[in-house]
Amino acid sequence: MKKGIHPDYHPVIFQDASTGKKFLTRSTITSESTLEWEDGNRYPLVVVDVTSDSHPFWTGAQRVLDTAGRVQKFEQRYGKRTRPTQD
């Protein structure tokens, strides 16, 4: 890698805003606030809205869409559509 063209890549603590869960990883993001981690060192703290700890896909709270109802509603409004036949 060329020297001087890449951003600083350092350890950062990310915290989920809704669950409070924290995890330590590496990133180029910076933050004014810091937090002491389990190893006794202080790292920048970044609070994020969604992580795998609170995302509906990973927690199993995902909504199921009623696609059958949507199709019926469309057909009631616009009628059943058919494709034109090719001769």
PDB file of N, CA and C in Angstrom:
ATOM      1  N   MET A   1       0.838  -1.182   0.000  1.00  0.00           N
ATOM      2  CA  MET A   1       0.000   0.000   0.000  1.00  0.00           C
ATOM      3  C   MET A   1       0.883   1.246   0.000  1.00  0.00           C
ATOM      4  N   LYS A   2       0.409   2.272  -0.685  1.00  0.00           N
ATOM      5  CA  LYS A   2       1.127   3.541  -0.707  1.00  0.00           C
ATOM      6  C   LYS A   2       0.990   4.230   0.646  1.00  0.00           C
ATOM      7  N   LYS A   3       2.040   4.860   1.080  1.00  0.00           N
ATOM      8  CA  LYS A   3       2.038   5.587   2.350  1.00  0.00           C
ATOM      9  C   LYS A   3       1.332   6.930   2.186  1.00  0.00           C
ATOM     10  N   GLY A   4       0.565   7.325   3.224  1.00  0.00           N
ATOM     11  CA  GLY A   4      -0.006   8.656   3.278  1.00  0.00           C
ATOM     12  C   GLY A   4      -1.306   8.878   2.509  1.00  0.00           C
ATOM     13  N   ILE A   5      -1.852   7.869   1.823  1.00  0.00           N
ATOM     14  CA  ILE A   5      -3.095   8.093   1.074  1.00  0.00           C
ATOM     15  C   ILE A   5      -4.294   7.398   1.708  1.00  0.00           C
ATOM     16  N   HIS A   6      -4.066   6.565   2.700  1.00  0.00           N
ATOM     17  CA  HIS A   6      -5.155   5.817   3.319  1.00  0.00           C
ATOM     18  C   HIS A   6      -5.527   6.437   4.662  1.00  0.00           C
ATOM     19  N   PRO A   7      -6.830   6.442   5.024  1.00  0.00           N
ATOM     20  CA  PRO A   7      -7.229   6.989   6.325  1.00  0.00           C
ATOM     21  C   PRO A   7      -6.765   6.088   7.464  1.00  0.00           C
ATOM     22  N   ASP A   8      -6.703   6.674   8.649  1.00  0.00           N
ATOM     23  CA  ASP A   8      -6.287   5.931   9.843  1.00  0.00           C
ATOM     24  C   ASP A   8      -7.335   4.864  10.167  1.00  0.00           C
ATOM     25  N   TYR A   9      -6.908   3.625  10.302  1.00  0.00           N
ATOM     26  CA  TYR A   9      -7.777   2.480  10.581  1.00  0.00           C
ATOM     27  C   TYR A   9      -7.469   2.034  12.000  1.00  0.00           C
ATOM     28  N   HIS A  10      -8.414   2.231  12.928  1.00  0.00           N
ATOM     29  CA  HIS A  10      -8.149   2.020  14.344  1.00  0.00           C
ATOM     30  C   HIS A  10      -9.339   1.340  15.035  1.00  0.00           C
ATOM     31  N   PRO A  11      -9.125   0.822  16.253  1.00  0.00           N
ATOM     32  CA  PRO A  11     -10.225   0.211  16.999  1.00  0.00           C
ATOM     33  C   PRO A  11     -11.272   1.254  17.401  1.00  0.00           C
ATOM     34  N   VAL A  12     -12.561   0.884  17.293  1.00  0.00           N
ATOM     35  CA  VAL A  12     -13.681   1.755  17.629  1.00  0.00           C
ATOM     36  C   VAL A  12     -14.758   0.911  18.306  1.00  0.00           C
ATOM     37  N   ILE A  13     -15.424   1.483  19.308  1.00  0.00           N
ATOM     38  CA  ILE A  13     -16.558   0.815  19.949  1.00  0.00           C
ATOM     39  C   ILE A  13     -17.836   1.351  19.311  1.00  0.00           C
ATOM     40  N   PHE A  14     -18.686   0.440  18.828  1.00  0.00           N
ATOM     41  CA  PHE A  14     -19.998   0.804  18.314  1.00  0.00           C
ATOM     42  C   PHE A  14     -21.032   0.379  19.335  1.00  0.00           C
ATOM     43  N   GLN A  15     -22.023   1.252  19.591  1.00  0.00           N
ATOM     44  CA  GLN A  15     -23.082   0.949  20.541  1.00  0.00           C
ATOM     45  C   GLN A  15     -24.433   1.100  19.852  1.00  0.00           C
ATOM     46  N   ASP A  16     -25.295   0.098  20.023  1.00  0.00           N
ATOM     47  CA  ASP A  16     -26.653   0.139  19.480  1.00  0.00           C
ATOM     48  C   ASP A  16     -27.484   1.083  20.348  1.00  0.00           C
ATOM     49  N   ALA A  17     -28.122   2.076  19.727  1.00  0.00           N
ATOM     50  CA  ALA A  17     -28.880   3.081  20.480  1.00  0.00           C
ATOM     51  C   ALA A  17     -30.104   2.488  21.167  1.00  0.00           C
ATOM     52  N   SER A  18     -30.736   1.470  20.574  1.00  0.00           N
ATOM     53  CA  SER A  18     -31.965   0.940  21.169  1.00  0.00           C
ATOM     54  C   SER A  18     -31.713  -0.164  22.186  1.00  0.00           C
ATOM     55  N   THR A  19     -30.708  -1.000  21.975  1.00  0.00           N
ATOM     56  CA  THR A  19     -30.477  -2.111  22.913  1.00  0.00           C
ATOM     57  C   THR A  19     -29.331  -1.848  23.882  1.00  0.00           C
ATOM     58  N   GLY A  20     -28.441  -0.943  23.530  1.00  0.00           N
ATOM     59  CA  GLY A  20     -27.309  -0.650  24.398  1.00  0.00           C
ATOM     60  C   GLY A  20     -26.131  -1.592  24.214  1.00  0.00           C
ATOM     61  N   LYS A  21     -26.256  -2.603  23.376  1.00  0.00           N
ATOM     62  CA  LYS A  21     -25.165  -3.554  23.165  1.00  0.00           C
ATOM     63  C   LYS A  21     -23.982  -2.858  22.507  1.00  0.00           C
ATOM     64  N   LYS A  22     -22.785  -3.182  22.975  1.00  0.00           N
ATOM     65  CA  LYS A  22     -21.560  -2.581  22.444  1.00  0.00           C
ATOM     66  C   LYS A  22     -20.673  -3.671  21.859  1.00  0.00           C
ATOM     67  N   PHE A  23     -19.929  -3.318  20.799  1.00  0.00           N
ATOM     68  CA  PHE A  23     -18.941  -4.238  20.260  1.00  0.00           C
ATOM     69  C   PHE A  23     -17.747  -3.454  19.750  1.00  0.00           C
ATOM     70  N   LEU A  24     -16.600  -4.071  19.855  1.00  0.00           N
ATOM     71  CA  LEU A  24     -15.342  -3.452  19.452  1.00  0.00           C
ATOM     72  C   LEU A  24     -14.930  -4.006  18.105  1.00  0.00           C
ATOM     73  N   THR A  25     -14.648  -3.108  17.183  1.00  0.00           N
ATOM     74  CA  THR A  25     -14.181  -3.497  15.854  1.00  0.00           C
ATOM     75  C   THR A  25     -13.222  -2.423  15.368  1.00  0.00           C
ATOM     76  N   ARG A  26     -12.791  -2.526  14.128  1.00  0.00           N
ATOM     77  CA  ARG A  26     -11.890  -1.523  13.570  1.00  0.00           C
ATOM     78  C   ARG A  26     -12.624  -0.728  12.503  1.00  0.00           C
ATOM     79  N   SER A  27     -12.322   0.575  12.432  1.00  0.00           N
ATOM     80  CA  SER A  27     -12.988   1.445  11.479  1.00  0.00           C
ATOM     81  C   SER A  27     -12.145   2.688  11.236  1.00  0.00           C
ATOM     82  N   THR A  28     -12.519   3.444  10.209  1.00  0.00           N
ATOM     83  CA  THR A  28     -11.861   4.729   9.943  1.00  0.00           C
ATOM     84  C   THR A  28     -12.647   5.886  10.534  1.00  0.00           C
ATOM     85  N   ILE A  29     -13.828   5.621  11.118  1.00  0.00           N
ATOM     86  CA  ILE A  29     -14.677   6.668  11.691  1.00  0.00           C
ATOM     87  C   ILE A  29     -14.027   7.230  12.955  1.00  0.00           C
ATOM     88  N   THR A  30     -14.280   8.508  13.213  1.00  0.00           N
ATOM     89  CA  THR A  30     -13.742   9.139  14.418  1.00  0.00           C
ATOM     90  C   THR A  30     -14.887   9.649  15.279  1.00  0.00           C
ATOM     91  N   SER A  31     -14.607   9.876  16.547  1.00  0.00           N
ATOM     92  CA  SER A  31     -15.612  10.357  17.476  1.00  0.00           C
ATOM     93  C   SER A  31     -14.938  11.125  18.596  1.00  0.00           C
ATOM     94  N   GLU A  32     -15.633  12.135  19.097  1.00  0.00           N
ATOM     95  CA  GLU A  32     -15.112  12.919  20.222  1.00  0.00           C
ATOM     96  C   GLU A  32     -15.265  12.160  21.536  1.00  0.00           C
ATOM     97  N   SER A  33     -16.328  11.372  21.667  1.00  0.00           N
ATOM     98  CA  SER A  33     -16.548  10.638  22.918  1.00  0.00           C
ATOM     99  C   SER A  33     -15.764   9.330  22.914  1.00  0.00           C
ATOM    100  N   THR A  34     -15.329   8.942  24.104  1.00  0.00           N
ATOM    101  CA  THR A  34     -14.575   7.697  24.261  1.00  0.00           C
ATOM    102  C   THR A  34     -15.204   6.877  25.384  1.00  0.00           C
ATOM    103  N   LEU A  35     -14.844   5.609  25.411  1.00  0.00           N
ATOM    104  CA  LEU A  35     -15.351   4.694  26.422  1.00  0.00           C
ATOM    105  C   LEU A  35     -14.261   3.691  26.750  1.00  0.00           C
ATOM    106  N   GLU A  36     -14.199   3.298  28.020  1.00  0.00           N
ATOM    107  CA  GLU A  36     -13.221   2.290  28.433  1.00  0.00           C
ATOM    108  C   GLU A  36     -13.791   0.914  28.129  1.00  0.00           C
ATOM    109  N   TRP A  37     -13.018   0.098  27.410  1.00  0.00           N
ATOM    110  CA  TRP A  37     -13.427  -1.255  27.037  1.00  0.00           C
ATOM    111  C   TRP A  37     -12.960  -2.240  28.093  1.00  0.00           C
ATOM    112  N   GLU A  38     -13.369  -3.494  27.962  1.00  0.00           N
ATOM    113  CA  GLU A  38     -13.053  -4.545  28.938  1.00  0.00           C
ATOM    114  C   GLU A  38     -11.555  -4.760  29.130  1.00  0.00           C
ATOM    115  N   ASP A  39     -10.754  -4.425  28.114  1.00  0.00           N
ATOM    116  CA  ASP A  39      -9.305  -4.628  28.219  1.00  0.00           C
ATOM    117  C   ASP A  39      -8.596  -3.484  28.945  1.00  0.00           C
ATOM    118  N   GLY A  40      -9.361  -2.460  29.402  1.00  0.00           N
ATOM    119  CA  GLY A  40      -8.789  -1.345  30.142  1.00  0.00           C
ATOM    120  C   GLY A  40      -8.383  -0.166  29.271  1.00  0.00           C
ATOM    121  N   ASN A  41      -8.425  -0.306  27.962  1.00  0.00           N
ATOM    122  CA  ASN A  41      -8.074   0.788  27.054  1.00  0.00           C
ATOM    123  C   ASN A  41      -9.301   1.630  26.722  1.00  0.00           C
ATOM    124  N   ARG A  42      -9.059   2.904  26.382  1.00  0.00           N
ATOM    125  CA  ARG A  42     -10.140   3.800  25.962  1.00  0.00           C
ATOM    126  C   ARG A  42     -10.157   3.869  24.440  1.00  0.00           C
ATOM    127  N   TYR A  43     -11.362   3.726  23.868  1.00  0.00           N
ATOM    128  CA  TYR A  43     -11.538   3.758  22.419  1.00  0.00           C
ATOM    129  C   TYR A  43     -12.636   4.757  22.069  1.00  0.00           C
ATOM    130  N   PRO A  44     -12.621   5.289  20.849  1.00  0.00           N
ATOM    131  CA  PRO A  44     -13.716   6.167  20.422  1.00  0.00           C
ATOM    132  C   PRO A  44     -15.038   5.403  20.436  1.00  0.00           C
ATOM    133  N   LEU A  45     -16.124   6.094  20.839  1.00  0.00           N
ATOM    134  CA  LEU A  45     -17.451   5.494  20.915  1.00  0.00           C
ATOM    135  C   LEU A  45     -18.339   6.108  19.843  1.00  0.00           C
ATOM    136  N   VAL A  46     -18.975   5.248  19.032  1.00  0.00           N
ATOM    137  CA  VAL A  46     -19.917   5.688  18.003  1.00  0.00           C
ATOM    138  C   VAL A  46     -21.252   5.007  18.293  1.00  0.00           C
ATOM    139  N   VAL A  47     -22.304   5.811  18.491  1.00  0.00           N
ATOM    140  CA  VAL A  47     -23.642   5.287  18.746  1.00  0.00           C
ATOM    141  C   VAL A  47     -24.378   5.226  17.408  1.00  0.00           C
ATOM    142  N   VAL A  48     -24.903   4.040  17.075  1.00  0.00           N
ATOM    143  CA  VAL A  48     -25.607   3.835  15.806  1.00  0.00           C
ATOM    144  C   VAL A  48     -27.054   3.436  16.086  1.00  0.00           C
ATOM    145  N   ASP A  49     -27.939   3.708  15.114  1.00  0.00           N
ATOM    146  CA  ASP A  49     -29.362   3.420  15.280  1.00  0.00           C
ATOM    147  C   ASP A  49     -29.682   1.933  15.224  1.00  0.00           C
ATOM    148  N   VAL A  50     -29.047   1.208  14.297  1.00  0.00           N
ATOM    149  CA  VAL A  50     -29.389  -0.199  14.073  1.00  0.00           C
ATOM    150  C   VAL A  50     -28.125  -1.038  13.955  1.00  0.00           C
ATOM    151  N   THR A  51     -28.123  -2.164  14.649  1.00  0.00           N
ATOM    152  CA  THR A  51     -27.070  -3.171  14.490  1.00  0.00           C
ATOM    153  C   THR A  51     -27.771  -4.520  14.324  1.00  0.00           C
ATOM    154  N   SER A  52     -26.998  -5.573  14.210  1.00  0.00           N
ATOM    155  CA  SER A  52     -27.606  -6.900  14.093  1.00  0.00           C
ATOM    156  C   SER A  52     -28.363  -7.274  15.364  1.00  0.00           C
ATOM    157  N   ASP A  53     -28.076  -6.590  16.461  1.00  0.00           N
ATOM    158  CA  ASP A  53     -28.756  -6.866  17.723  1.00  0.00           C
ATOM    159  C   ASP A  53     -30.189  -6.343  17.740  1.00  0.00           C
ATOM    160  N   SER A  54     -30.478  -5.318  16.897  1.00  0.00           N
ATOM    161  CA  SER A  54     -31.826  -4.744  16.907  1.00  0.00           C
ATOM    162  C   SER A  54     -32.510  -4.745  15.542  1.00  0.00           C
ATOM    163  N   HIS A  55     -31.828  -5.176  14.496  1.00  0.00           N
ATOM    164  CA  HIS A  55     -32.432  -5.171  13.163  1.00  0.00           C
ATOM    165  C   HIS A  55     -33.495  -6.263  13.058  1.00  0.00           C
ATOM    166  N   PRO A  56     -34.689  -5.943  12.513  1.00  0.00           N
ATOM    167  CA  PRO A  56     -35.778  -6.930  12.447  1.00  0.00           C
ATOM    168  C   PRO A  56     -35.408  -8.220  11.714  1.00  0.00           C
ATOM    169  N   PHE A  57     -34.581  -8.138  10.695  1.00  0.00           N
ATOM    170  CA  PHE A  57     -34.202  -9.358   9.969  1.00  0.00           C
ATOM    171  C   PHE A  57     -33.437 -10.317  10.867  1.00  0.00           C
ATOM    172  N   TRP A  58     -32.532  -9.811  11.677  1.00  0.00           N
ATOM    173  CA  TRP A  58     -31.690 -10.664  12.518  1.00  0.00           C
ATOM    174  C   TRP A  58     -32.362 -11.052  13.824  1.00  0.00           C
ATOM    175  N   THR A  59     -33.356 -10.280  14.275  1.00  0.00           N
ATOM    176  CA  THR A  59     -34.019 -10.595  15.540  1.00  0.00           C
ATOM    177  C   THR A  59     -35.232 -11.491  15.352  1.00  0.00           C
ATOM    178  N   GLY A  60     -35.694 -11.661  14.111  1.00  0.00           N
ATOM    179  CA  GLY A  60     -36.852 -12.500  13.855  1.00  0.00           C
ATOM    180  C   GLY A  60     -38.168 -11.756  13.969  1.00  0.00           C
ATOM    181  N   ALA A  61     -38.117 -10.441  14.157  1.00  0.00           N
ATOM    182  CA  ALA A  61     -39.331  -9.628  14.276  1.00  0.00           C
ATOM    183  C   ALA A  61     -39.727  -9.031  12.933  1.00  0.00           C
ATOM    184  N   GLN A  62     -39.300  -9.672  11.881  1.00  0.00           N
ATOM    185  CA  GLN A  62     -39.557  -9.181  10.533  1.00  0.00           C
ATOM    186  C   GLN A  62     -41.038  -9.279  10.196  1.00  0.00           C
ATOM    187  N   ARG A  63     -41.586  -8.249   9.536  1.00  0.00           N
ATOM    188  CA  ARG A  63     -42.993  -8.257   9.147  1.00  0.00           C
ATOM    189  C   ARG A  63     -43.169  -9.066   7.868  1.00  0.00           C
ATOM    190  N   VAL A  64     -44.267  -9.781   7.784  1.00  0.00           N
ATOM    191  CA  VAL A  64     -44.598 -10.533   6.584  1.00  0.00           C
ATOM    192  C   VAL A  64     -45.637  -9.729   5.815  1.00  0.00           C
ATOM    193  N   LEU A  65     -45.366  -9.463   4.549  1.00  0.00           N
ATOM    194  CA  LEU A  65     -46.290  -8.680   3.740  1.00  0.00           C
ATOM    195  C   LEU A  65     -47.427  -9.546   3.229  1.00  0.00           C
ATOM    196  N   ASP A  66     -48.613  -8.986   3.181  1.00  0.00           N
ATOM    197  CA  ASP A  66     -49.786  -9.682   2.672  1.00  0.00           C
ATOM    198  C   ASP A  66     -49.859  -9.437   1.167  1.00  0.00           C
ATOM    199  N   THR A  67     -49.080 -10.177   0.392  1.00  0.00           N
ATOM    200  CA  THR A  67     -49.041  -9.949  -1.052  1.00  0.00           C
ATOM    201  C   THR A  67     -50.316 -10.407  -1.725  1.00  0.00           C
ATOM    202  N   ALA A  68     -50.965 -11.437  -1.214  1.00  0.00           N
ATOM    203  CA  ALA A  68     -52.213 -11.900  -1.822  1.00  0.00           C
ATOM    204  C   ALA A  68     -53.275 -10.812  -1.718  1.00  0.00           C
ATOM    205  N   GLY A  69     -53.370 -10.157  -0.579  1.00  0.00           N
ATOM    206  CA  GLY A  69     -54.320  -9.070  -0.409  1.00  0.00           C
ATOM    207  C   GLY A  69     -54.037  -7.906  -1.333  1.00  0.00           C
ATOM    208  N   ARG A  70     -52.776  -7.631  -1.578  1.00  0.00           N
ATOM    209  CA  ARG A  70     -52.405  -6.541  -2.474  1.00  0.00           C
ATOM    210  C   ARG A  70     -52.805  -6.842  -3.908  1.00  0.00           C
ATOM    211  N   VAL A  71     -52.621  -8.078  -4.319  1.00  0.00           N
ATOM    212  CA  VAL A  71     -52.981  -8.467  -5.686  1.00  0.00           C
ATOM    213  C   VAL A  71     -54.490  -8.363  -5.866  1.00  0.00           C
ATOM    214  N   GLN A  72     -55.245  -8.854  -4.892  1.00  0.00           N
ATOM    215  CA  GLN A  72     -56.702  -8.778  -4.980  1.00  0.00           C
ATOM    216  C   GLN A  72     -57.182  -7.327  -5.003  1.00  0.00           C
ATOM    217  N   LYS A  73     -56.569  -6.487  -4.201  1.00  0.00           N
ATOM    218  CA  LYS A  73     -56.934  -5.075  -4.177  1.00  0.00           C
ATOM    219  C   LYS A  73     -56.652  -4.421  -5.528  1.00  0.00           C
ATOM    220  N   PHE A  74     -55.521  -4.755  -6.138  1.00  0.00           N
ATOM    221  CA  PHE A  74     -55.174  -4.226  -7.453  1.00  0.00           C
ATOM    222  C   PHE A  74     -56.184  -4.685  -8.506  1.00  0.00           C
ATOM    223  N   GLU A  75     -56.533  -5.969  -8.469  1.00  0.00           N
ATOM    224  CA  GLU A  75     -57.487  -6.507  -9.447  1.00  0.00           C
ATOM    225  C   GLU A  75     -58.876  -5.897  -9.265  1.00  0.00           C
ATOM    226  N   GLN A  76     -59.272  -5.612  -8.044  1.00  0.00           N
ATOM    227  CA  GLN A  76     -60.559  -4.962  -7.818  1.00  0.00           C
ATOM    228  C   GLN A  76     -60.545  -3.539  -8.383  1.00  0.00           C
ATOM    229  N   ARG A  77     -59.445  -2.866  -8.216  1.00  0.00           N
ATOM    230  CA  ARG A  77     -59.360  -1.479  -8.643  1.00  0.00           C
ATOM    231  C   ARG A  77     -59.221  -1.352 -10.164  1.00  0.00           C
ATOM    232  N   TYR A  78     -58.380  -2.196 -10.774  1.00  0.00           N
ATOM    233  CA  TYR A  78     -58.056  -2.046 -12.192  1.00  0.00           C
ATOM    234  C   TYR A  78     -58.548  -3.204 -13.059  1.00  0.00           C
ATOM    235  N   GLY A  79     -59.110  -4.220 -12.480  1.00  0.00           N
ATOM    236  CA  GLY A  79     -59.538  -5.379 -13.247  1.00  0.00           C
ATOM    237  C   GLY A  79     -58.372  -6.318 -13.484  1.00  0.00           C
ATOM    238  N   LYS A  80     -58.677  -7.530 -13.871  1.00  0.00           N
ATOM    239  CA  LYS A  80     -57.629  -8.524 -14.112  1.00  0.00           C
ATOM    240  C   LYS A  80     -56.978  -8.239 -15.463  1.00  0.00           C
ATOM    241  N   ARG A  81     -55.697  -8.145 -15.477  1.00  0.00           N
ATOM    242  CA  ARG A  81     -54.972  -7.821 -16.704  1.00  0.00           C
ATOM    243  C   ARG A  81     -54.491  -9.106 -17.366  1.00  0.00           C
ATOM    244  N   THR A  82     -54.521  -9.129 -18.682  1.00  0.00           N
ATOM    245  CA  THR A  82     -53.986 -10.260 -19.431  1.00  0.00           C
ATOM    246  C   THR A  82     -52.958  -9.744 -20.414  1.00  0.00           C
ATOM    247  N   ARG A  83     -52.043 -10.584 -20.770  1.00  0.00           N
ATOM    248  CA  ARG A  83     -51.012 -10.193 -21.729  1.00  0.00           C
ATOM    249  C   ARG A  83     -51.560 -10.329 -23.143  1.00  0.00           C
ATOM    250  N   PRO A  84     -51.221  -9.399 -24.002  1.00  0.00           N
ATOM    251  CA  PRO A  84     -51.683  -9.518 -25.388  1.00  0.00           C
ATOM    252  C   PRO A  84     -50.990 -10.711 -26.060  1.00  0.00           C
ATOM    253  N   THR A  85     -51.734 -11.405 -26.906  1.00  0.00           N
ATOM    254  CA  THR A  85     -51.169 -12.565 -27.605  1.00  0.00           C
ATOM    255  C   THR A  85     -50.374 -12.100 -28.813  1.00  0.00           C
ATOM    256  N   GLN A  86     -49.311 -12.794 -29.095  1.00  0.00           N
ATOM    257  CA  GLN A  86     -48.481 -12.456 -30.261  1.00  0.00           C
ATOM    258  C   GLN A  86     -48.896 -13.332 -31.423  1.00  0.00           C
ATOM    259  N   ASP A  87     -49.083 -12.726 -32.582  1.00  0.00           N
ATOM    260  CA  ASP A  87     -49.479 -13.486 -33.790  1.00  0.00           C
ATOM    261  C   ASP A  87     -48.286 -13.837 -34.622  1.00  0.00           C
TER     262      ASP A  87
END
